[in-house]
Amino acid sequence: MTSSKIEIPGEVKSDPAALMASLQLMPSPVPNPEIKYTKIFINNEWQDSVSGKVFPAYNPATGEQICEVQEADKADVDKAVQAARLAFSLGSVWRRMDASERGRLLSKLADLVERDSIYLATIESLNSGKPFLPTLFVDLQGTIKTLRYFAGYADKIHGTSIPMDGEYLTFTRYEPIGVCGQIIPWNFPLMMTAWKLGPALACGNTVVLKPAEQTPLTCLYIAALVKEVGKLIQEAAGKSNLKRVTLELGGKNPNIIFADADLDLAVEQAHQGVFFNAGQCCTAGSRIYVEEPIYDEFVRRSVERAKRRIVGSPFDPTTEQGPQISREQQNRVLEFVQSGISEGAKLECGGKALGLKGFFIEPTVFSNVRDDMRIAREEIFGPVQQIMKFKTIEEVIERANNTDYGLVAAVFTNDINKAMTISTAMQAGTVWINCFNALSTQCPFGGYKMSGNGRELGENGLKEYSEVKTITMKMVAKNS
């Protein structure tokens, strides 16, 4: 998600023997990793659920159960919220802590994540099906960078003085909002945990955090690292009634390819933009609009590239694509494929489940897709690429914006006027020019319309976790 182009350190050899030799130098996953934490974490303590209920965590590459995890319900949530409120109360250790010390603790958490990155990448791959090397080089690095970024901001969140009319001294200060309920999705568990925890804790809030039931294991391990940091930071698996809501809700993102674009670049970036993380990305560029003169060639090259994509075990270093997260998600994606076929789209390749074990799907490409087809309107969240044709810039702008979503968009062209016309016209929170999935901790991320409320990351991400207070004091005499 941080980058659609996975760059592995060191020179990558082109011939098979040299490639295998270079892969031997790559980090290896932890063999048979021990799952250390499966309980609920409240007030720096591991606890069983009040009800005694548990639920299974699965390996989507095999369909086999990994372990059982304690299942939180209302009673557990109430305990977590009570603990978080107590930690946020006036005069508490957390509320009286210097902002620089909060930053130091977040920085220490980043150090511990970095220390245990091989283990974290291993259990993330085991529990989510994500290929190990991209998980290590993309997800873990993104997690570490996000925590360090917000750690650096902790003592730089400050208000301003205001030259108010009259005999007054006026200034603003930023204050934490209180207990934050945070829900983590299953497609990027570690990175999304950092996206949520980083700004919330940097601003001085306390947190009740719910991992996805499909992928709880790395979130629970992060809780153990929080405990190792050794201060009052509350986490738990649960839900809370939110008074302020920041949501990123996915999208059906347009990727516009003009005839003057670098075709090799556009094909590869469009491929990665859809198929990265087995298509399970909110940013997936799943509506690809290609200008008519290059449409047939673009489709041909895209099909060729999809057929070369390596699908397999997350722990095979050559694997590009792992399984879908669950049998339910696999069936949902395959149902979308059937709807595309029945509505008249041309299935160029793929479209079937792979293997007898696990939840794999072939990389799938559709051409001759119409805007009114279900596969062009709804978020599939799977390895399915839809390629559509356009003639004019006015037409493609109207079609690209004709959606309830507005998370990201992209344009590929060598004409700066086209690039700027498209980027300013798109109703989307992020627009990429001649690249895709170029996300960064420093840049705000969020969507228009049904793609969410508010922004995460960057300086804007801090605003979601703080209140601005204006303080005015009557002065006997005021001097400028």
Protein backbone atom coordinates (compact mmCIF):
# COMPACT_ATOMS: atom_id res chain seq x y z
CA MET A 1 0.00 0.00 0.00
CA THR A 2 2.89 2.33 0.64
CA SER A 3 4.28 1.60 -2.79
CA SER A 4 3.03 -0.41 -5.72
CA LYS A 5 6.61 -1.06 -6.79
CA ILE A 6 8.26 -3.33 -4.25
CA GLU A 7 11.93 -2.41 -4.13
CA ILE A 8 14.06 -5.06 -2.46
CA PRO A 9 17.47 -3.85 -1.29
CA GLY A 10 20.44 -4.89 -3.39
CA GLU A 11 20.85 -5.68 -7.06
CA VAL A 12 18.30 -8.13 -8.42
CA LYS A 13 19.76 -10.53 -10.96
CA SER A 14 17.97 -11.37 -14.19
CA ASP A 15 19.10 -14.97 -14.81
CA PRO A 16 17.50 -17.71 -12.67
CA ALA A 17 20.71 -18.93 -11.01
CA ALA A 18 21.80 -15.43 -10.02
CA LEU A 19 18.27 -14.61 -8.87
CA MET A 20 18.17 -17.64 -6.59
CA ALA A 21 21.61 -16.76 -5.24
CA SER A 22 20.43 -13.23 -4.42
CA LEU A 23 17.28 -14.60 -2.78
CA GLN A 24 19.49 -16.62 -0.44
CA LEU A 25 20.72 -13.29 0.95
CA MET A 26 17.21 -12.08 1.69
CA PRO A 27 15.77 -12.20 5.22
CA SER A 28 13.93 -15.44 5.96
CA PRO A 29 10.69 -15.84 7.92
CA VAL A 30 10.75 -17.32 11.40
CA PRO A 31 10.17 -21.09 11.01
CA ASN A 32 7.15 -22.38 12.94
CA PRO A 33 6.62 -19.10 14.82
CA GLU A 34 5.23 -19.32 18.32
CA ILE A 35 1.96 -17.40 18.75
CA LYS A 36 2.58 -15.72 22.08
CA TYR A 37 -0.41 -13.46 22.62
CA THR A 38 -4.07 -14.40 22.18
CA LYS A 39 -5.73 -12.67 25.13
CA ILE A 40 -7.34 -9.24 25.53
CA PHE A 41 -4.99 -6.43 26.60
CA ILE A 42 -6.54 -3.93 29.04
CA ASN A 43 -4.73 -1.51 31.33
CA ASN A 44 -1.33 -3.09 30.65
CA GLU A 45 -2.59 -6.59 31.55
CA TRP A 46 -3.53 -9.69 29.54
CA GLN A 47 -7.01 -10.92 30.37
CA ASP A 48 -9.43 -13.65 29.33
CA SER A 49 -12.78 -12.52 27.99
CA VAL A 50 -15.52 -12.13 30.60
CA SER A 51 -17.70 -14.61 28.70
CA GLY A 52 -14.90 -17.11 28.19
CA LYS A 53 -15.61 -17.13 24.45
CA VAL A 54 -12.84 -17.62 21.88
CA PHE A 55 -12.72 -17.53 18.09
CA PRO A 56 -10.32 -19.19 15.61
CA ALA A 57 -7.59 -17.42 13.64
CA TYR A 58 -6.83 -19.06 10.28
CA ASN A 59 -3.98 -19.31 7.77
CA PRO A 60 -5.65 -18.31 4.46
CA ALA A 61 -2.91 -20.00 2.43
CA THR A 62 -3.96 -23.41 3.79
CA GLY A 63 -7.36 -22.83 5.40
CA GLU A 64 -5.99 -24.36 8.60
CA GLN A 65 -6.54 -22.95 12.09
CA ILE A 66 -3.52 -21.23 13.67
CA CYS A 67 -4.85 -20.70 17.19
CA GLU A 68 -7.81 -19.46 19.20
CA VAL A 69 -8.13 -15.84 20.35
CA GLN A 70 -10.17 -14.46 23.25
CA GLU A 71 -13.42 -12.92 21.98
CA ALA A 72 -14.35 -9.56 23.50
CA ASP A 73 -17.96 -8.51 23.94
CA LYS A 74 -19.77 -5.65 25.68
CA ALA A 75 -18.51 -6.47 29.18
CA ASP A 76 -14.89 -6.48 27.97
CA VAL A 77 -15.41 -3.26 26.05
CA ASP A 78 -16.84 -1.59 29.13
CA LYS A 79 -13.76 -2.62 31.11
CA ALA A 80 -11.46 -1.27 28.39
CA VAL A 81 -13.28 2.06 28.10
CA GLN A 82 -13.33 2.46 31.90
CA ALA A 83 -9.58 1.87 32.05
CA ALA A 84 -8.96 4.27 29.17
CA ARG A 85 -11.10 6.97 30.81
CA LEU A 86 -9.26 6.53 34.10
CA ALA A 87 -5.91 6.88 32.32
CA PHE A 88 -7.19 10.08 30.66
CA SER A 89 -8.54 11.65 33.85
CA LEU A 90 -7.11 14.98 34.99
CA GLY A 91 -4.01 14.53 37.11
CA SER A 92 -3.24 11.02 35.77
CA VAL A 93 0.30 10.01 34.92
CA TRP A 94 -0.59 10.05 31.23
CA ARG A 95 -2.23 13.50 31.31
CA ARG A 96 0.66 15.03 33.29
CA MET A 97 3.35 13.48 31.11
CA ASP A 98 5.51 15.89 29.10
CA ALA A 99 4.74 15.88 25.38
CA SER A 100 8.40 15.14 24.67
CA GLU A 101 8.13 12.04 26.86
CA ARG A 102 5.09 10.84 24.89
CA GLY A 103 7.22 11.23 21.78
CA ARG A 104 10.06 9.28 23.35
CA LEU A 105 7.71 6.41 24.20
CA LEU A 106 6.31 6.29 20.66
CA SER A 107 9.86 6.33 19.31
CA LYS A 108 10.75 3.45 21.63
CA LEU A 109 7.72 1.52 20.34
CA ALA A 110 9.01 2.04 16.79
CA ASP A 111 12.41 0.70 17.87
CA LEU A 112 10.80 -2.44 19.30
CA VAL A 113 8.78 -3.00 16.13
CA GLU A 114 12.02 -2.69 14.16
CA ARG A 115 13.76 -5.12 16.52
CA ASP A 116 11.03 -7.74 16.04
CA SER A 117 10.27 -6.97 12.39
CA ILE A 118 11.13 -10.46 11.07
CA TYR A 119 8.80 -12.11 13.57
CA LEU A 120 6.04 -9.55 12.95
CA ALA A 121 6.31 -9.98 9.17
CA THR A 122 6.17 -13.75 9.63
CA ILE A 123 2.96 -13.80 11.66
CA GLU A 124 1.42 -11.09 9.46
CA SER A 125 2.04 -13.33 6.44
CA LEU A 126 0.84 -16.41 8.31
CA ASN A 127 -2.42 -14.77 9.44
CA SER A 128 -3.21 -12.63 6.36
CA GLY A 129 -1.64 -14.50 3.43
CA LYS A 130 0.45 -11.48 2.41
CA PRO A 131 3.80 -12.43 0.80
CA PHE A 132 6.57 -12.26 3.41
CA LEU A 133 9.14 -10.06 1.64
CA PRO A 134 6.72 -7.28 0.62
CA THR A 135 5.28 -7.43 4.14
CA LEU A 136 8.76 -6.96 5.60
CA PHE A 137 9.94 -4.26 3.19
CA VAL A 138 6.65 -2.36 2.77
CA ASP A 139 4.28 -2.96 5.68
CA LEU A 140 6.87 -3.13 8.47
CA GLN A 141 8.85 -0.17 7.15
CA GLY A 142 5.64 1.83 6.81
CA THR A 143 4.68 0.93 10.37
CA ILE A 144 8.06 1.98 11.78
CA LYS A 145 8.18 5.23 9.79
CA THR A 146 4.65 6.19 10.82
CA LEU A 147 5.35 5.69 14.53
CA ARG A 148 8.58 7.69 14.29
CA TYR A 149 6.93 10.46 12.32
CA PHE A 150 4.22 11.04 14.92
CA ALA A 151 6.72 10.56 17.76
CA GLY A 152 8.56 13.56 16.37
CA TYR A 153 5.35 15.59 16.29
CA ALA A 154 4.37 14.98 19.93
CA ASP A 155 6.01 18.14 21.31
CA LYS A 156 5.30 20.27 18.23
CA ILE A 157 1.51 20.41 18.52
CA HIS A 158 0.96 23.98 19.65
CA GLY A 159 -1.46 26.86 19.32
CA THR A 160 -0.97 30.51 18.39
CA SER A 161 -1.41 33.93 19.95
CA ILE A 162 -4.14 36.07 18.37
CA PRO A 163 -4.10 39.90 18.18
CA MET A 164 -7.73 40.24 19.34
CA ASP A 165 -9.36 43.70 19.42
CA GLY A 166 -9.60 45.32 22.84
CA GLU A 167 -7.64 44.93 26.08
CA TYR A 168 -7.28 41.17 25.86
CA LEU A 169 -4.64 38.49 25.59
CA THR A 170 -5.89 35.60 23.43
CA PHE A 171 -4.26 32.35 22.44
CA THR A 172 -5.22 28.87 21.32
CA ARG A 173 -4.06 25.49 22.51
CA TYR A 174 -4.58 21.99 21.13
CA GLU A 175 -5.95 19.47 23.61
CA PRO A 176 -6.49 15.70 23.27
CA ILE A 177 -10.09 14.66 22.67
CA GLY A 178 -10.09 11.75 25.16
CA VAL A 179 -10.76 8.06 24.64
CA CYS A 180 -10.49 7.05 20.97
CA GLY A 181 -12.18 3.94 19.59
CA GLN A 182 -10.12 2.59 16.71
CA ILE A 183 -11.10 -0.27 14.37
CA ILE A 184 -8.33 -1.90 12.33
CA PRO A 185 -9.07 -3.51 8.92
CA TRP A 186 -7.73 -6.93 7.94
CA ASN A 187 -5.91 -5.97 4.73
CA PHE A 188 -3.05 -3.98 6.35
CA PRO A 189 -3.20 -4.81 10.08
CA LEU A 190 0.21 -3.51 11.16
CA MET A 191 0.28 -0.33 9.10
CA MET A 192 -3.27 0.61 9.98
CA THR A 193 -2.51 0.09 13.67
CA ALA A 194 0.36 2.57 13.35
CA TRP A 195 -1.80 4.99 11.34
CA LYS A 196 -4.33 5.00 14.21
CA LEU A 197 -2.13 4.73 17.31
CA GLY A 198 0.57 7.17 16.19
CA PRO A 199 -1.40 10.42 15.97
CA ALA A 200 -3.82 9.49 18.77
CA LEU A 201 -1.06 8.89 21.31
CA ALA A 202 1.12 11.76 20.08
CA CYS A 203 -1.78 14.12 20.85
CA GLY A 204 -2.19 12.64 24.35
CA ASN A 205 -5.34 10.55 23.90
CA THR A 206 -6.02 7.06 25.22
CA VAL A 207 -7.11 4.24 22.94
CA VAL A 208 -9.49 1.29 22.76
CA LEU A 209 -8.38 -0.62 19.69
CA LYS A 210 -10.23 -3.45 17.90
CA PRO A 211 -8.17 -5.62 15.54
CA ALA A 212 -9.97 -7.36 12.68
CA GLU A 213 -11.16 -10.80 13.75
CA GLN A 214 -9.54 -12.24 10.61
CA THR A 215 -6.07 -10.84 11.46
CA PRO A 216 -5.68 -10.15 15.19
CA LEU A 217 -2.24 -11.65 15.81
CA THR A 218 0.11 -8.79 14.92
CA CYS A 219 -2.09 -6.20 16.67
CA LEU A 220 -1.92 -8.28 19.85
CA TYR A 221 1.86 -8.50 19.53
CA ILE A 222 2.02 -4.70 19.21
CA ALA A 223 0.13 -4.57 22.51
CA ALA A 224 2.89 -6.69 24.06
CA LEU A 225 5.48 -4.21 22.74
CA VAL A 226 3.45 -1.36 24.24
CA LYS A 227 3.65 -3.13 27.58
CA GLU A 228 7.40 -3.47 27.09
CA VAL A 229 7.65 0.28 26.59
CA GLY A 230 6.26 0.30 30.12
CA LYS A 231 3.88 3.24 30.37
CA LEU A 232 0.13 3.73 30.64
CA ILE A 233 -1.15 3.21 27.12
CA GLN A 234 -4.48 1.37 27.02
CA GLU A 235 -5.40 -1.05 24.25
CA ALA A 236 -8.03 -3.73 23.96
CA ALA A 237 -9.98 -5.74 21.44
CA GLY A 238 -13.43 -4.14 21.52
CA LYS A 239 -15.79 -1.52 20.18
CA SER A 240 -16.82 1.90 21.43
CA ASN A 241 -19.54 4.43 20.62
CA LEU A 242 -17.63 7.14 18.78
CA LYS A 243 -18.52 10.81 19.14
CA ARG A 244 -16.11 11.96 16.45
CA VAL A 245 -15.62 9.73 13.44
CA THR A 246 -12.68 9.49 11.06
CA LEU A 247 -13.35 6.90 8.38
CA GLU A 248 -11.54 5.66 5.30
CA LEU A 249 -14.09 3.55 3.48
CA GLY A 250 -12.43 2.37 0.29
CA GLY A 251 -13.29 3.23 -3.27
CA LYS A 252 -13.70 2.32 -6.91
CA ASN A 253 -10.69 4.25 -8.09
CA PRO A 254 -10.14 5.46 -11.68
CA ASN A 255 -6.78 5.10 -13.44
CA ILE A 256 -6.69 7.09 -16.69
CA ILE A 257 -4.17 6.14 -19.40
CA PHE A 258 -3.65 8.54 -22.33
CA ALA A 259 -2.21 7.47 -25.68
CA ASP A 260 0.91 9.62 -25.13
CA ALA A 261 1.83 7.83 -21.88
CA ASP A 262 4.90 5.64 -21.41
CA LEU A 263 3.09 2.39 -22.18
CA ASP A 264 5.49 0.06 -20.39
CA LEU A 265 5.26 2.17 -17.23
CA ALA A 266 1.49 2.51 -17.46
CA VAL A 267 0.91 -1.22 -17.93
CA GLU A 268 3.12 -2.20 -14.99
CA GLN A 269 1.78 0.48 -12.65
CA ALA A 270 -1.81 -0.34 -13.58
CA HIS A 271 -1.05 -4.01 -12.94
CA GLN A 272 0.47 -3.35 -9.51
CA GLY A 273 -2.26 -0.81 -8.76
CA VAL A 274 -4.90 -3.54 -9.03
CA PHE A 275 -3.12 -6.76 -8.03
CA PHE A 276 -0.95 -5.59 -5.12
CA ASN A 277 -1.94 -7.41 -1.90
CA ALA A 278 -4.14 -9.76 -3.98
CA GLY A 279 -6.31 -6.78 -4.89
CA GLN A 280 -7.27 -6.28 -1.24
CA CYS A 281 -6.44 -2.55 -1.19
CA CYS A 282 -8.76 0.40 -0.64
CA THR A 283 -6.60 2.26 -3.18
CA ALA A 284 -6.88 -0.38 -5.93
CA GLY A 285 -7.07 1.28 -9.34
CA SER A 286 -9.83 -1.00 -10.49
CA ARG A 287 -11.47 1.24 -13.11
CA ILE A 288 -8.84 1.58 -15.82
CA TYR A 289 -9.76 3.98 -18.62
CA VAL A 290 -7.51 3.67 -21.68
CA GLU A 291 -7.55 6.08 -24.62
CA GLU A 292 -8.91 4.44 -27.77
CA PRO A 293 -5.75 4.47 -30.01
CA ILE A 294 -3.77 2.30 -27.54
CA TYR A 295 -6.63 0.30 -26.02
CA ASP A 296 -6.04 -3.03 -27.78
CA GLU A 297 -2.28 -2.94 -27.17
CA PHE A 298 -2.77 -2.00 -23.52
CA VAL A 299 -5.17 -4.91 -23.03
CA ARG A 300 -2.76 -7.32 -24.75
CA ARG A 301 0.17 -6.28 -22.56
CA SER A 302 -1.94 -6.28 -19.41
CA VAL A 303 -3.11 -9.84 -20.07
CA GLU A 304 0.47 -10.91 -20.78
CA ARG A 305 1.63 -9.38 -17.48
CA ALA A 306 -1.23 -10.92 -15.48
CA LYS A 307 -0.39 -14.38 -16.83
CA ARG A 308 3.21 -13.95 -15.62
CA ARG A 309 2.15 -13.02 -12.09
CA ILE A 310 3.36 -15.64 -9.61
CA VAL A 311 0.66 -16.82 -7.18
CA GLY A 312 1.70 -19.06 -4.32
CA SER A 313 2.81 -19.50 -0.74
CA PRO A 314 3.39 -16.24 1.16
CA PHE A 315 6.72 -17.69 2.34
CA ASP A 316 8.07 -18.43 -1.15
CA PRO A 317 10.36 -15.45 -1.94
CA THR A 318 9.31 -15.48 -5.62
CA THR A 319 5.59 -15.17 -4.82
CA GLU A 320 3.92 -11.95 -6.00
CA GLN A 321 0.39 -12.79 -4.89
CA GLY A 322 -0.89 -14.73 -1.90
CA PRO A 323 -4.43 -15.89 -1.09
CA GLN A 324 -7.53 -13.87 -0.35
CA ILE A 325 -8.14 -13.36 3.36
CA SER A 326 -10.92 -15.97 3.73
CA ARG A 327 -13.13 -18.46 1.93
CA GLU A 328 -15.94 -15.94 2.17
CA GLN A 329 -13.86 -13.29 0.40
CA GLN A 330 -12.68 -15.76 -2.24
CA ASN A 331 -16.29 -16.70 -3.00
CA ARG A 332 -17.30 -13.04 -3.11
CA VAL A 333 -14.61 -12.23 -5.68
CA LEU A 334 -15.50 -15.25 -7.83
CA GLU A 335 -19.15 -14.17 -7.75
CA PHE A 336 -18.07 -10.76 -9.10
CA VAL A 337 -16.19 -12.54 -11.90
CA GLN A 338 -19.33 -14.44 -12.86
CA SER A 339 -21.36 -11.23 -12.85
CA GLY A 340 -18.84 -9.67 -15.25
CA ILE A 341 -19.16 -12.60 -17.62
CA SER A 342 -22.97 -12.65 -17.44
CA GLU A 343 -23.19 -8.89 -18.10
CA GLY A 344 -21.10 -9.18 -21.27
CA ALA A 345 -17.55 -8.21 -20.32
CA LYS A 346 -14.81 -10.20 -22.06
CA LEU A 347 -12.82 -12.42 -19.68
CA GLU A 348 -9.28 -12.21 -21.06
CA CYS A 349 -7.59 -14.43 -18.47
CA GLY A 350 -8.00 -15.91 -14.99
CA GLY A 351 -11.34 -15.95 -13.26
CA LYS A 352 -10.99 -19.19 -11.31
CA ALA A 353 -9.91 -20.41 -7.88
CA LEU A 354 -6.41 -21.89 -7.67
CA GLY A 355 -5.37 -25.04 -5.82
CA LEU A 356 -7.18 -27.41 -3.51
CA LYS A 357 -6.03 -25.70 -0.29
CA GLY A 358 -6.19 -22.07 0.69
CA PHE A 359 -8.13 -19.17 -0.77
CA PHE A 360 -6.22 -18.34 -3.97
CA ILE A 361 -7.64 -16.73 -7.13
CA GLU A 362 -6.04 -16.44 -10.56
CA PRO A 363 -5.07 -12.90 -11.65
CA THR A 364 -8.08 -11.89 -13.71
CA VAL A 365 -8.44 -9.35 -16.54
CA PHE A 366 -11.65 -8.13 -18.17
CA SER A 367 -11.88 -6.01 -21.33
CA ASN A 368 -14.90 -4.42 -23.05
CA VAL A 369 -16.23 -3.37 -19.66
CA ARG A 370 -19.12 -0.89 -19.53
CA ASP A 371 -19.56 1.66 -16.75
CA ASP A 372 -22.97 0.24 -15.80
CA MET A 373 -21.64 -3.26 -15.12
CA ARG A 374 -21.43 -4.38 -11.51
CA ILE A 375 -17.68 -5.04 -11.76
CA ALA A 376 -17.23 -1.39 -12.81
CA ARG A 377 -19.43 0.05 -10.04
CA GLU A 378 -18.73 -1.98 -6.89
CA GLU A 379 -15.51 -2.51 -4.94
CA ILE A 380 -14.40 -6.10 -5.61
CA PHE A 381 -11.41 -6.24 -3.23
CA GLY A 382 -9.73 -8.98 -5.22
CA PRO A 383 -7.29 -9.59 -8.13
CA VAL A 384 -9.65 -8.48 -10.90
CA GLN A 385 -8.64 -5.82 -13.45
CA GLN A 386 -11.30 -4.05 -15.53
CA ILE A 387 -10.16 -2.14 -18.64
CA MET A 388 -12.45 0.38 -20.34
CA LYS A 389 -12.07 2.60 -23.39
CA PHE A 390 -12.46 6.39 -23.76
CA LYS A 391 -12.17 8.93 -26.60
CA THR A 392 -12.00 12.46 -25.13
CA ILE A 393 -10.70 14.09 -21.96
CA GLU A 394 -14.12 15.59 -21.20
CA GLU A 395 -15.74 12.17 -21.49
CA VAL A 396 -13.25 10.42 -19.20
CA ILE A 397 -13.47 13.11 -16.52
CA GLU A 398 -17.24 12.75 -16.37
CA ARG A 399 -17.09 8.95 -16.32
CA ALA A 400 -14.29 8.78 -13.75
CA ASN A 401 -16.20 11.06 -11.36
CA ASN A 402 -19.49 9.22 -11.86
CA THR A 403 -19.19 7.17 -8.66
CA ASP A 404 -20.22 7.39 -5.02
CA TYR A 405 -16.55 6.99 -4.05
CA GLY A 406 -13.60 9.37 -4.16
CA LEU A 407 -10.52 7.95 -2.45
CA VAL A 408 -7.75 8.07 -5.07
CA ALA A 409 -7.26 8.51 -8.82
CA ALA A 410 -4.34 8.34 -11.24
CA VAL A 411 -3.41 9.63 -14.68
CA PHE A 412 -0.65 8.52 -17.02
CA THR A 413 0.41 11.01 -19.70
CA ASN A 414 3.48 12.91 -20.93
CA ASP A 415 1.38 16.07 -21.45
CA ILE A 416 1.54 18.28 -18.35
CA ASN A 417 -1.65 20.11 -19.36
CA LYS A 418 -3.61 16.83 -19.47
CA ALA A 419 -2.05 15.78 -16.18
CA MET A 420 -3.07 18.98 -14.40
CA THR A 421 -6.51 19.09 -16.02
CA ILE A 422 -7.26 15.56 -14.82
CA SER A 423 -5.72 15.98 -11.35
CA THR A 424 -7.70 19.14 -10.57
CA ALA A 425 -10.95 17.71 -12.00
CA MET A 426 -10.89 14.40 -10.11
CA GLN A 427 -13.20 14.20 -7.10
CA ALA A 428 -10.69 12.25 -5.03
CA GLY A 429 -8.57 12.83 -1.94
CA THR A 430 -5.33 11.80 -3.68
CA VAL A 431 -4.35 11.96 -7.36
CA TRP A 432 -1.17 10.37 -8.71
CA ILE A 433 0.50 11.45 -11.96
CA ASN A 434 2.57 8.77 -13.74
CA CYS A 435 2.70 6.64 -10.59
CA PHE A 436 0.38 4.63 -8.37
CA ASN A 437 0.12 3.87 -4.65
CA ALA A 438 2.77 6.49 -3.90
CA LEU A 439 1.66 6.94 -0.28
CA SER A 440 3.80 8.47 2.45
CA THR A 441 3.56 9.04 6.19
CA GLN A 442 4.10 12.77 5.60
CA CYS A 443 1.13 13.25 3.25
CA PRO A 444 -2.56 13.41 4.27
CA PHE A 445 -4.70 10.50 3.11
CA GLY A 446 -8.47 10.29 2.90
CA GLY A 447 -11.38 10.48 0.51
CA TYR A 448 -14.24 12.48 -0.93
CA LYS A 449 -17.90 11.47 -0.91
CA MET A 450 -18.54 7.89 0.37
CA SER A 451 -14.81 7.17 0.66
CA GLY A 452 -14.67 8.56 4.16
CA ASN A 453 -14.48 11.45 6.62
CA GLY A 454 -11.37 13.30 7.72
CA ARG A 455 -7.74 12.65 6.91
CA GLU A 456 -5.04 10.36 8.26
CA LEU A 457 -1.26 10.82 8.18
CA GLY A 458 0.70 14.04 7.84
CA GLU A 459 0.00 17.10 9.94
CA ASN A 460 -3.68 16.86 8.99
CA GLY A 461 -3.90 13.48 10.72
CA LEU A 462 -3.18 15.12 14.08
CA LYS A 463 -6.20 17.41 13.79
CA GLU A 464 -8.56 14.44 14.01
CA TYR A 465 -7.25 13.67 17.50
CA SER A 466 -7.26 17.10 19.09
CA GLU A 467 -9.62 19.93 20.02
CA VAL A 468 -8.75 23.59 19.57
CA LYS A 469 -9.44 25.73 22.63
CA THR A 470 -9.40 29.54 22.59
CA ILE A 471 -8.38 31.22 25.85
CA THR A 472 -8.92 34.97 26.35
CA MET A 473 -7.79 36.99 29.35
CA LYS A 474 -8.72 40.63 30.16
CA MET A 475 -5.65 42.84 30.37
CA VAL A 476 -5.23 46.10 32.29
CA ALA A 477 -3.23 47.50 29.42
CA LYS A 478 -2.22 45.98 26.10
CA ASN A 479 1.01 46.68 24.23
CA SER A 480 1.76 45.40 20.74
